[in-house]
Amino acid sequence: ALAVDGMQWVLLPLVIGGAASPINDAMDV
């Protein structure tokens, strides 16, 4: 949980633009 929450902060610039949003959602599932 700590690793994934930290990784989501690192990927924040990609997720905001929407490019990595499907990857982020898949990671949460």
PDB file of all heavy atoms in Angstrom:
ATOM      1  N   ALA A   1       0.832  -1.208   0.000  1.00  0.00           N
ATOM      2  CA  ALA A   1       0.000   0.000   0.000  1.00  0.00           C
ATOM      3  C   ALA A   1       0.868   1.260   0.000  1.00  0.00           C
ATOM      4  O   ALA A   1       0.593   2.205  -0.746  1.00  0.00           O
ATOM      5  CB  ALA A   1      -0.931  -0.013   1.205  1.00  0.00           C
ATOM      6  N   LEU A   2       1.897   1.278   0.814  1.00  0.00           N
ATOM      7  CA  LEU A   2       2.807   2.435   0.840  1.00  0.00           C
ATOM      8  C   LEU A   2       3.499   2.618  -0.503  1.00  0.00           C
ATOM      9  O   LEU A   2       3.626   3.746  -1.001  1.00  0.00           O
ATOM     10  CB  LEU A   2       3.846   2.269   1.949  1.00  0.00           C
ATOM     11  CG  LEU A   2       3.346   2.475   3.370  1.00  0.00           C
ATOM     12  CD1 LEU A   2       4.378   1.975   4.375  1.00  0.00           C
ATOM     13  CD2 LEU A   2       3.041   3.939   3.608  1.00  0.00           C
ATOM     14  N   ALA A   3       3.943   1.516  -1.100  1.00  0.00           N
ATOM     15  CA  ALA A   3       4.634   1.592  -2.391  1.00  0.00           C
ATOM     16  C   ALA A   3       3.702   2.100  -3.489  1.00  0.00           C
ATOM     17  O   ALA A   3       4.084   2.953  -4.298  1.00  0.00           O
ATOM     18  CB  ALA A   3       5.201   0.223  -2.760  1.00  0.00           C
ATOM     19  N   VAL A   4       2.488   1.596  -3.519  1.00  0.00           N
ATOM     20  CA  VAL A   4       1.544   2.010  -4.568  1.00  0.00           C
ATOM     21  C   VAL A   4       1.120   3.465  -4.367  1.00  0.00           C
ATOM     22  O   VAL A   4       1.068   4.226  -5.337  1.00  0.00           O
ATOM     23  CB  VAL A   4       0.324   1.068  -4.598  1.00  0.00           C
ATOM     24  CG1 VAL A   4      -0.779   1.618  -5.476  1.00  0.00           C
ATOM     25  CG2 VAL A   4       0.753  -0.299  -5.088  1.00  0.00           C
ATOM     26  N   ASP A   5       0.835   3.851  -3.145  1.00  0.00           N
ATOM     27  CA  ASP A   5       0.469   5.250  -2.896  1.00  0.00           C
ATOM     28  C   ASP A   5       1.623   6.183  -3.254  1.00  0.00           C
ATOM     29  O   ASP A   5       1.418   7.246  -3.836  1.00  0.00           O
ATOM     30  CB  ASP A   5       0.042   5.448  -1.444  1.00  0.00           C
ATOM     31  CG  ASP A   5      -1.362   4.930  -1.175  1.00  0.00           C
ATOM     32  OD1 ASP A   5      -2.155   4.805  -2.131  1.00  0.00           O
ATOM     33  OD2 ASP A   5      -1.667   4.645   0.002  1.00  0.00           O
ATOM     34  N   GLY A   6       2.835   5.780  -2.947  1.00  0.00           N
ATOM     35  CA  GLY A   6       4.008   6.583  -3.322  1.00  0.00           C
ATOM     36  C   GLY A   6       4.205   6.637  -4.825  1.00  0.00           C
ATOM     37  O   GLY A   6       4.525   7.689  -5.391  1.00  0.00           O
ATOM     38  N   MET A   7       3.990   5.507  -5.495  1.00  0.00           N
ATOM     39  CA  MET A   7       4.140   5.453  -6.947  1.00  0.00           C
ATOM     40  C   MET A   7       3.101   6.356  -7.631  1.00  0.00           C
ATOM     41  O   MET A   7       3.393   6.983  -8.643  1.00  0.00           O
ATOM     42  CB  MET A   7       3.983   4.017  -7.437  1.00  0.00           C
ATOM     43  CG  MET A   7       4.355   3.835  -8.877  1.00  0.00           C
ATOM     44  SD  MET A   7       4.136   2.139  -9.490  1.00  0.00           S
ATOM     45  CE  MET A   7       4.632   1.137  -8.131  1.00  0.00           C
ATOM     46  N   GLN A   8       1.917   6.422  -7.065  1.00  0.00           N
ATOM     47  CA  GLN A   8       0.892   7.275  -7.655  1.00  0.00           C
ATOM     48  C   GLN A   8       1.252   8.756  -7.526  1.00  0.00           C
ATOM     49  O   GLN A   8       0.889   9.551  -8.386  1.00  0.00           O
ATOM     50  CB  GLN A   8      -0.468   6.969  -7.039  1.00  0.00           C
ATOM     51  CG  GLN A   8      -0.993   5.640  -7.534  1.00  0.00           C
ATOM     52  CD  GLN A   8      -2.300   5.229  -6.901  1.00  0.00           C
ATOM     53  OE1 GLN A   8      -2.624   5.646  -5.789  1.00  0.00           O
ATOM     54  NE2 GLN A   8      -3.054   4.407  -7.600  1.00  0.00           N
ATOM     55  N   TRP A   9       1.971   9.121  -6.485  1.00  0.00           N
ATOM     56  CA  TRP A   9       2.443  10.501  -6.376  1.00  0.00           C
ATOM     57  C   TRP A   9       3.535  10.779  -7.406  1.00  0.00           C
ATOM     58  O   TRP A   9       3.602  11.858  -7.975  1.00  0.00           O
ATOM     59  CB  TRP A   9       2.979  10.782  -4.968  1.00  0.00           C
ATOM     60  CG  TRP A   9       1.895  11.224  -4.063  1.00  0.00           C
ATOM     61  CD1 TRP A   9       1.188  10.447  -3.202  1.00  0.00           C
ATOM     62  CD2 TRP A   9       1.362  12.540  -3.940  1.00  0.00           C
ATOM     63  NE1 TRP A   9       0.251  11.201  -2.544  1.00  0.00           N
ATOM     64  CE2 TRP A   9       0.335  12.495  -2.985  1.00  0.00           C
ATOM     65  CE3 TRP A   9       1.649  13.754  -4.545  1.00  0.00           C
ATOM     66  CZ2 TRP A   9      -0.398  13.613  -2.621  1.00  0.00           C
ATOM     67  CZ3 TRP A   9       0.916  14.869  -4.175  1.00  0.00           C
ATOM     68  CH2 TRP A   9      -0.088  14.788  -3.234  1.00  0.00           C
ATOM     69  N   VAL A  10       4.402   9.794  -7.639  1.00  0.00           N
ATOM     70  CA  VAL A  10       5.473   9.970  -8.624  1.00  0.00           C
ATOM     71  C   VAL A  10       4.880  10.081 -10.025  1.00  0.00           C
ATOM     72  O   VAL A  10       5.350  10.861 -10.855  1.00  0.00           O
ATOM     73  CB  VAL A  10       6.483   8.799  -8.534  1.00  0.00           C
ATOM     74  CG1 VAL A  10       7.458   8.823  -9.687  1.00  0.00           C
ATOM     75  CG2 VAL A  10       7.221   8.846  -7.210  1.00  0.00           C
ATOM     76  N   LEU A  11       3.829   9.302 -10.307  1.00  0.00           N
ATOM     77  CA  LEU A  11       3.189   9.320 -11.623  1.00  0.00           C
ATOM     78  C   LEU A  11       2.191  10.460 -11.789  1.00  0.00           C
ATOM     79  O   LEU A  11       1.527  10.540 -12.828  1.00  0.00           O
ATOM     80  CB  LEU A  11       2.480   7.987 -11.869  1.00  0.00           C
ATOM     81  CG  LEU A  11       3.361   6.751 -11.954  1.00  0.00           C
ATOM     82  CD1 LEU A  11       2.513   5.503 -12.106  1.00  0.00           C
ATOM     83  CD2 LEU A  11       4.348   6.871 -13.099  1.00  0.00           C
ATOM     84  N   LEU A  12       2.069  11.321 -10.800  1.00  0.00           N
ATOM     85  CA  LEU A  12       1.089  12.409 -10.831  1.00  0.00           C
ATOM     86  C   LEU A  12       1.142  13.246 -12.109  1.00  0.00           C
ATOM     87  O   LEU A  12       0.100  13.521 -12.698  1.00  0.00           O
ATOM     88  CB  LEU A  12       1.250  13.302  -9.595  1.00  0.00           C
ATOM     89  CG  LEU A  12       0.282  14.473  -9.466  1.00  0.00           C
ATOM     90  CD1 LEU A  12      -1.145  13.959  -9.327  1.00  0.00           C
ATOM     91  CD2 LEU A  12       0.656  15.334  -8.274  1.00  0.00           C
ATOM     92  N   PRO A  13       2.316  13.638 -12.615  1.00  0.00           N
ATOM     93  CA  PRO A  13       2.327  14.440 -13.846  1.00  0.00           C
ATOM     94  C   PRO A  13       1.709  13.703 -15.041  1.00  0.00           C
ATOM     95  O   PRO A  13       1.085  14.317 -15.891  1.00  0.00           O
ATOM     96  CB  PRO A  13       3.811  14.721 -14.095  1.00  0.00           C
ATOM     97  CG  PRO A  13       4.452  14.568 -12.770  1.00  0.00           C
ATOM     98  CD  PRO A  13       3.654  13.532 -12.037  1.00  0.00           C
ATOM     99  N   LEU A  14       1.858  12.407 -15.113  1.00  0.00           N
ATOM    100  CA  LEU A  14       1.262  11.646 -16.215  1.00  0.00           C
ATOM    101  C   LEU A  14      -0.240  11.469 -16.040  1.00  0.00           C
ATOM    102  O   LEU A  14      -0.992  11.491 -17.004  1.00  0.00           O
ATOM    103  CB  LEU A  14       1.919  10.263 -16.322  1.00  0.00           C
ATOM    104  CG  LEU A  14       3.386  10.237 -16.719  1.00  0.00           C
ATOM    105  CD1 LEU A  14       3.913   8.814 -16.650  1.00  0.00           C
ATOM    106  CD2 LEU A  14       3.551  10.802 -18.122  1.00  0.00           C
ATOM    107  N   VAL A  15      -0.669  11.278 -14.805  1.00  0.00           N
ATOM    108  CA  VAL A  15      -2.081  11.027 -14.528  1.00  0.00           C
ATOM    109  C   VAL A  15      -2.908  12.286 -14.744  1.00  0.00           C
ATOM    110  O   VAL A  15      -4.042  12.217 -15.215  1.00  0.00           O
ATOM    111  CB  VAL A  15      -2.262  10.485 -13.094  1.00  0.00           C
ATOM    112  CG1 VAL A  15      -3.716  10.305 -12.751  1.00  0.00           C
ATOM    113  CG2 VAL A  15      -1.532   9.166 -12.951  1.00  0.00           C
ATOM    114  N   ILE A  16      -2.361  13.452 -14.415  1.00  0.00           N
ATOM    115  CA  ILE A  16      -3.107  14.700 -14.576  1.00  0.00           C
ATOM    116  C   ILE A  16      -3.450  14.933 -16.042  1.00  0.00           C
ATOM    117  O   ILE A  16      -4.550  15.328 -16.376  1.00  0.00           O
ATOM    118  CB  ILE A  16      -2.320  15.895 -13.997  1.00  0.00           C
ATOM    119  CG1 ILE A  16      -2.366  15.833 -12.484  1.00  0.00           C
ATOM    120  CG2 ILE A  16      -2.891  17.214 -14.478  1.00  0.00           C
ATOM    121  CD1 ILE A  16      -1.605  16.927 -11.795  1.00  0.00           C
ATOM    122  N   GLY A  17      -2.508  14.630 -16.917  1.00  0.00           N
ATOM    123  CA  GLY A  17      -2.764  14.790 -18.339  1.00  0.00           C
ATOM    124  C   GLY A  17      -3.673  13.722 -18.899  1.00  0.00           C
ATOM    125  O   GLY A  17      -4.164  13.839 -20.009  1.00  0.00           O
ATOM    126  N   GLY A  18      -3.894  12.675 -18.156  1.00  0.00           N
ATOM    127  CA  GLY A  18      -4.783  11.608 -18.598  1.00  0.00           C
ATOM    128  C   GLY A  18      -4.076  10.485 -19.325  1.00  0.00           C
ATOM    129  O   GLY A  18      -4.684   9.459 -19.617  1.00  0.00           O
ATOM    130  N   ALA A  19      -2.782  10.625 -19.625  1.00  0.00           N
ATOM    131  CA  ALA A  19      -2.079   9.604 -20.397  1.00  0.00           C
ATOM    132  C   ALA A  19      -1.973   8.287 -19.646  1.00  0.00           C
ATOM    133  O   ALA A  19      -2.157   7.218 -20.218  1.00  0.00           O
ATOM    134  CB  ALA A  19      -0.687  10.107 -20.764  1.00  0.00           C
ATOM    135  N   ALA A  20      -1.704   8.346 -18.358  1.00  0.00           N
ATOM    136  CA  ALA A  20      -1.505   7.125 -17.579  1.00  0.00           C
ATOM    137  C   ALA A  20      -2.709   6.784 -16.709  1.00  0.00           C
ATOM    138  O   ALA A  20      -2.629   5.900 -15.874  1.00  0.00           O
ATOM    139  CB  ALA A  20      -0.260   7.249 -16.708  1.00  0.00           C
ATOM    140  N   SER A  21      -3.806   7.478 -16.923  1.00  0.00           N
ATOM    141  CA  SER A  21      -4.978   7.222 -16.090  1.00  0.00           C
ATOM    142  C   SER A  21      -5.474   5.778 -16.177  1.00  0.00           C
ATOM    143  O   SER A  21      -5.786   5.189 -15.155  1.00  0.00           O
ATOM    144  CB  SER A  21      -6.088   8.205 -16.440  1.00  0.00           C
ATOM    145  OG  SER A  21      -7.179   8.029 -15.577  1.00  0.00           O
ATOM    146  N   PRO A  22      -5.560   5.162 -17.372  1.00  0.00           N
ATOM    147  CA  PRO A  22      -5.967   3.748 -17.412  1.00  0.00           C
ATOM    148  C   PRO A  22      -4.988   2.827 -16.677  1.00  0.00           C
ATOM    149  O   PRO A  22      -5.399   1.862 -16.037  1.00  0.00           O
ATOM    150  CB  PRO A  22      -6.011   3.416 -18.903  1.00  0.00           C
ATOM    151  CG  PRO A  22      -6.170   4.724 -19.589  1.00  0.00           C
ATOM    152  CD  PRO A  22      -5.466   5.730 -18.712  1.00  0.00           C
ATOM    153  N   ILE A  23      -3.710   3.148 -16.759  1.00  0.00           N
ATOM    154  CA  ILE A  23      -2.710   2.345 -16.038  1.00  0.00           C
ATOM    155  C   ILE A  23      -2.905   2.510 -14.541  1.00  0.00           C
ATOM    156  O   ILE A  23      -2.837   1.547 -13.775  1.00  0.00           O
ATOM    157  CB  ILE A  23      -1.285   2.752 -16.461  1.00  0.00           C
ATOM    158  CG1 ILE A  23      -1.064   2.414 -17.938  1.00  0.00           C
ATOM    159  CG2 ILE A  23      -0.233   2.088 -15.582  1.00  0.00           C
ATOM    160  CD1 ILE A  23       0.198   2.983 -18.524  1.00  0.00           C
ATOM    161  N   ASN A  24      -3.148   3.724 -14.103  1.00  0.00           N
ATOM    162  CA  ASN A  24      -3.386   4.006 -12.691  1.00  0.00           C
ATOM    163  C   ASN A  24      -4.630   3.270 -12.195  1.00  0.00           C
ATOM    164  O   ASN A  24      -4.633   2.688 -11.108  1.00  0.00           O
ATOM    165  CB  ASN A  24      -3.522   5.518 -12.493  1.00  0.00           C
ATOM    166  CG  ASN A  24      -3.462   5.925 -11.045  1.00  0.00           C
ATOM    167  OD1 ASN A  24      -2.877   5.248 -10.219  1.00  0.00           O
ATOM    168  ND2 ASN A  24      -4.077   7.049 -10.737  1.00  0.00           N
ATOM    169  N   ASP A  25      -5.698   3.288 -12.991  1.00  0.00           N
ATOM    170  CA  ASP A  25      -6.930   2.587 -12.614  1.00  0.00           C
ATOM    171  C   ASP A  25      -6.707   1.076 -12.550  1.00  0.00           C
ATOM    172  O   ASP A  25      -7.181   0.408 -11.631  1.00  0.00           O
ATOM    173  CB  ASP A  25      -8.057   2.916 -13.590  1.00  0.00           C
ATOM    174  CG  ASP A  25      -8.485   4.367 -13.503  1.00  0.00           C
ATOM    175  OD1 ASP A  25      -8.177   5.025 -12.485  1.00  0.00           O
ATOM    176  OD2 ASP A  25      -9.129   4.843 -14.457  1.00  0.00           O
ATOM    177  N   ALA A  26      -5.981   0.545 -13.524  1.00  0.00           N
ATOM    178  CA  ALA A  26      -5.693  -0.895 -13.529  1.00  0.00           C
ATOM    179  C   ALA A  26      -4.847  -1.272 -12.312  1.00  0.00           C
ATOM    180  O   ALA A  26      -5.066  -2.321 -11.696  1.00  0.00           O
ATOM    181  CB  ALA A  26      -4.973  -1.276 -14.822  1.00  0.00           C
ATOM    182  N   MET A  27      -3.900  -0.410 -11.958  1.00  0.00           N
ATOM    183  CA  MET A  27      -3.065  -0.671 -10.788  1.00  0.00           C
ATOM    184  C   MET A  27      -3.919  -0.705  -9.520  1.00  0.00           C
ATOM    185  O   MET A  27      -3.718  -1.559  -8.655  1.00  0.00           O
ATOM    186  CB  MET A  27      -1.978   0.410 -10.675  1.00  0.00           C
ATOM    187  CG  MET A  27      -0.976   0.161  -9.582  1.00  0.00           C
ATOM    188  SD  MET A  27       0.476   1.246  -9.614  1.00  0.00           S
ATOM    189  CE  MET A  27      -0.213   2.860  -9.823  1.00  0.00           C
ATOM    190  N   ASP A  28      -4.915   0.178  -9.424  1.00  0.00           N
ATOM    191  CA  ASP A  28      -5.797   0.188  -8.254  1.00  0.00           C
ATOM    192  C   ASP A  28      -6.648  -1.076  -8.177  1.00  0.00           C
ATOM    193  O   ASP A  28      -6.871  -1.609  -7.087  1.00  0.00           O
ATOM    194  CB  ASP A  28      -6.694   1.422  -8.275  1.00  0.00           C
ATOM    195  CG  ASP A  28      -5.938   2.688  -7.907  1.00  0.00           C
ATOM    196  OD1 ASP A  28      -4.975   2.581  -7.113  1.00  0.00           O
ATOM    197  OD2 ASP A  28      -6.305   3.761  -8.405  1.00  0.00           O
ATOM    198  N   VAL A  29      -7.096  -1.583  -9.312  1.00  0.00           N
ATOM    199  CA  VAL A  29      -7.880  -2.823  -9.322  1.00  0.00           C
ATOM    200  C   VAL A  29      -7.021  -3.995  -8.855  1.00  0.00           C
ATOM    201  O   VAL A  29      -7.443  -4.814  -8.030  1.00  0.00           O
ATOM    202  CB  VAL A  29      -8.463  -3.095 -10.727  1.00  0.00           C
ATOM    203  CG1 VAL A  29      -9.051  -4.489 -10.813  1.00  0.00           C
ATOM    204  CG2 VAL A  29      -9.513  -2.049 -11.070  1.00  0.00           C
TER     205      VAL A  29
END
